[in-house]
Every structure is written in structure tokens, then in C-alpha cells.
Amino acid sequence: MKIIYTDVLVIGGGLAGQRAAIGARRRGHEVIILSLVPAKRSHSAAAQGGMQASLANAIMGEGDNEDVHFADTIKGSDWGADQQVVRMFVDTAPKAVRELAAWGVPWNRVESGEHEVVINGKKVTIEEKDEAHGLITARNFGGTHKWRTCYVSDGTGHSMLYAVSNQAIAQQIPVHERMEAMSLIHDGDRCLGAIVRNLITGELVAYVAKATVIATGGFGRIYRVSTNAVINEGMGAAIALETGLATLGNMEAVQFHPTGIFPAGILVTEGARGDGGLLLDGELNRFMPQYEPDKKELASRDVVSRHMEYHIAQGHAAKSRYGEHLWLDIRLLGEKHIKRNLREVYEICGHFLGVDPVHELIAVRPAQHYSMGGVRTDHRGESSGLRGLFACGEAACWDMHGFNRLGGNSVAETVVAGMIVGENIADFCDDAANELNVSTSLVKQFWKQQVDAINMLTSGRGKESALQLGNRMKDIMTDKVGIFRDGEKLEEAVDELQNLLRRSRNIGVRVKHKTANPELVNAYR
């Protein structure tokens, strides 16, 4: 049995995990990051639209401040957010944007003078002040009273992830790639690390740490159609729950983004609507003003998604061989704007739909996008049930988003939570009362449990297919635990999922080797 010791073990190599690691490392603690994929390929890179921070540099953001951002976030959460956490977040977000700028994120900047923009479907002219020239600018996003979303065209997450990852490299923080945490080590009171499987060699390694951080992202891939990467299956939440000590929170709160391209579900950024794009129905009529006269296409995501699905149910959808959908129209933005500020949207539409959004409509329908639920923590980011276990980013639930998240608040939360939780982790490790005291026999006990579980899969004669069970689970979640829910369908879903759980105890694998084996990975997950 191989044991690796460190002060801080971060499970997840995206923005939240890396920023938390940087915070702990700056305080002098040894940190190791585990990642399923190379860190710069983490799902954080897929964030397109931007990061909310109340800088108020652009003319359309004048009058914005932390209080306005706070009010927007609380209202957008359907009044379900923890106000202490939201206050910390909105106060820290401007600092985070400026820190990222210093690290090399090429934020779009204010250009003084007159500019033509699209507001409410009409082209209007706004004039930026000379004194604001060169400052970080912002675009409009749903559910906000001011233009507050700082952005790098439509590659914001990519730029942020590369900058933060480069900073982690500069801090000499090792990233152990192609490694998956299988279970958490604990003594019934405190988390002491994790048992980790090397996805290439199949080796099981014990990582022992003073503090362990779960930053594994969301669980979108339990749905049939999701904007999430294929690695976002909720494994961080699963291993926390399996301790029997750490708890999960708000797991019913799942966000569906209005504009997943149909039928693939790949995200079209909210920036497309923030910049002036319109939603049209099958008759090419703009329909959102009849449901939301004030915010229209830029109501909060949960509201827009519900209205879209309702409009489809009323018989106003466009028809295709793949099913019913609606249209997103960004043609009025013009070729120059699309290819400059929405270039990723332009490329995605060409590659996955075969359409040119400069001249053609984009087929869209709501798709699962974000998990408000996750590992339950306090405002410090520490689990309320297992000391020494922390969580941040989409994998955590410290009630920042309540029951709905505003666009631009998630990518902001990754770095803000990383900043805050990283400092709290360092405080935890600095406390002499939290010195590491763990027996090798305890570590070996957890290691052997995972060895036995793998051996049972590779040597057993189970007949069930993990792939088939997983696909059925996705169908159940999509059809019965989606945007619209009722008691009858939820009860049916529970019964069917419990049946799948029973069947999963008889999973078998045809490929028996323990090295790089996707079938085995699916089976033990």
C-alpha cells in the first residue's frame, strides 16, 4: 500500500480547486491537487459568458455597487440564499476580477466614444466616457439591474482557468492527473484524506492530509441532456455522502439553461441574449415579452426555461426530426460582433449544428446546466458533519445561490470561494489542535475496502450493465425530475431509481483488466 502525505489534498483541478490550493500554498502549506483530466481541461474552461463583479466602469453599469449585486443575487435565488455568504461573495468579487487581471486574464475593456448595441431587440447608441477608457467593461446578463458581467469575449472560463493554472504552477503546486478519489478516509470525526485510483495504471493510493477539499464540480451528467462535461457526474458529493457523516444540501435545486443547442445540449452562452439575441417560437414570433414584460429574454434562467417549456407545450414549437425546439436569433447583432464577442458560439453552431448564426437561426431548448446542491458546508466552506473536510465551487452547497443561480455568478463563485475557503483551510492547518494523527491500520482499512470493491467487479459474474443502468437513470431524471415536477412523477422516479440501485449490486464487467478501463470506471461509479 502506497501512502502519500500532504497538508492539503484538493480533489478537483478546476477554478475553485486551484484557487483554494493557491491560497493554502501561499500560507506555507504543502498542497496536492488531484484531477481526472489535465487541469487546463477542467470543465471551468467551458464557461463562456462572464463573471459578475460590481465594478461600474461601463456606462450601462453606472450606479452599480455591492448592494445592488447583493439584492440581484438574493432575488435571483428565489429568496433561498444565505445572506451572509452572498455578502461575502459580492464584497470579494471585484477584488477577484482585479487579481485575475494581474495574473493575465485579458478582460474586455471599455472603449470611449459612441457604440451601437442591441437592447430589447433594437439597435441603440450608447456613449462611453473618456475617463473610463481602458477599464474592465461589462455586458448585460439575466436577472440583473446593471451591466455587471466582466468577460473575455465568450472565452471567459478558458482565460480564467489558464491564468489560475499558471499561477498554481508558479506556486509549484503539484497536480496529479488522471486520478480519481474513490472514498474519503476518516476516523468517525475528522476527514484524513482519500483513497485514490490511478485511471491509467489502476493502482490504488492513499493520500493522507490535514485538510481535504472537494472541488469536483456539478452532477449534470445524471441527466440525459446537459451542458456539463462528461466528467461531471457528482462523484465528489457521492464520496462525501458515503462517509455517513458529511451531508448534502439543496440537491433538489437543479438549474436548466435556456439555450442548450438542440439536440446536442451544448451551451450557447447567456451572453448571446445579453448582447441582444432574441428567442423566437416555431412561427418566428418573439414570445418572451408576453411572459416577462420587463426583463423579457433576460429574466433569470429558471424563469426563462420554464416559459420556454410551457410555450412548447402550448404548441408553439418548431419541429425537426429530433423533436420540438425553439429558436435563438442573434443575426441582428451583426457579423463583426458575433465573430469578435461570440466567436465560440459561431464555431459551436458551425461544428455541431451546421448553421451560420450570422445568417441563420440557432435551434435551442433548455438543458441541465448547474447544480445548486452539493456538499453541505458552513460559511467557512467546512463540512458541518466531518471536521477537516472542505468543499468549494459547484461541488459545495454553502447556500450562495439558493434555488436558482444568476448567470455569471458561478464562475465568479469559483474564484471567490477558492479565495475565501483557501484562507480558512490554511487557518485550520495552522491550528495546533488539528495536527495530523492517523494510524496506518486505519488507512489500510479504507484502502482494502476499495481493493475488494474493484476485485469484486473484475472477478464477479454480475450480469447488469453499468452503461445501461446509467442511461436509464438519465432518462428517469430527465423525464420525471426536470424543469416541471409533481408528486406523482417524483414518487415514480424514486421507485424506479431504487430498483436501479438494487440492480446495480449485480453489475459485471466484460473487460477484466484493472489498467485503463472505461467499463470498470463506469461500474464502480
Foldseek 3Di string as FASTA:
>chain_A
DAEAEFAEEEEALALQRLLLQLLLLVLPGAYEYEHQAPSLPAQLQQFFAFAFALPQLWPQSPPGALVQQLVLLCVQLVNFFDSVLSSLLRVCLVVLVVVLVVLPQPWDADAAAWDWFADPNDTDIDGTDPVSGGPFDFFFAFSHNGRGGIHQQGRRSSSSSVSSVVVSVVSVHHYHYSKAFQAFFDDQAATFFTWIARLFALDIYTYGHLFYEYEHFAQQLLAPAEQTDPSHRLVSQVRQVVVVFWDKPPQLQFFWAFFQFPPRRHDQHSVLVRRPKFKAAQVRDGDQCVVPVPQRSRHFRLSNQVVQVVCVVVPGFHQDPRGTFIWIASLVVADVSCCRRVVVVQVCCCPPVVDGSVPDITTGHIGTYAGLMAGEDESLQAGPGHHSYGYFARRYHNRSNNRGGTPNHRSSRSNSNSNRNSNVSSVSSVDPVSDDDDDPVSSVVNSVVVVVVLCCQLVPDFDDALVVLSVVSNVLCPPASHSDHDDVSVVVSVVVVVVSVVSLVRHHDPDRDSRNDVRSVSSSD
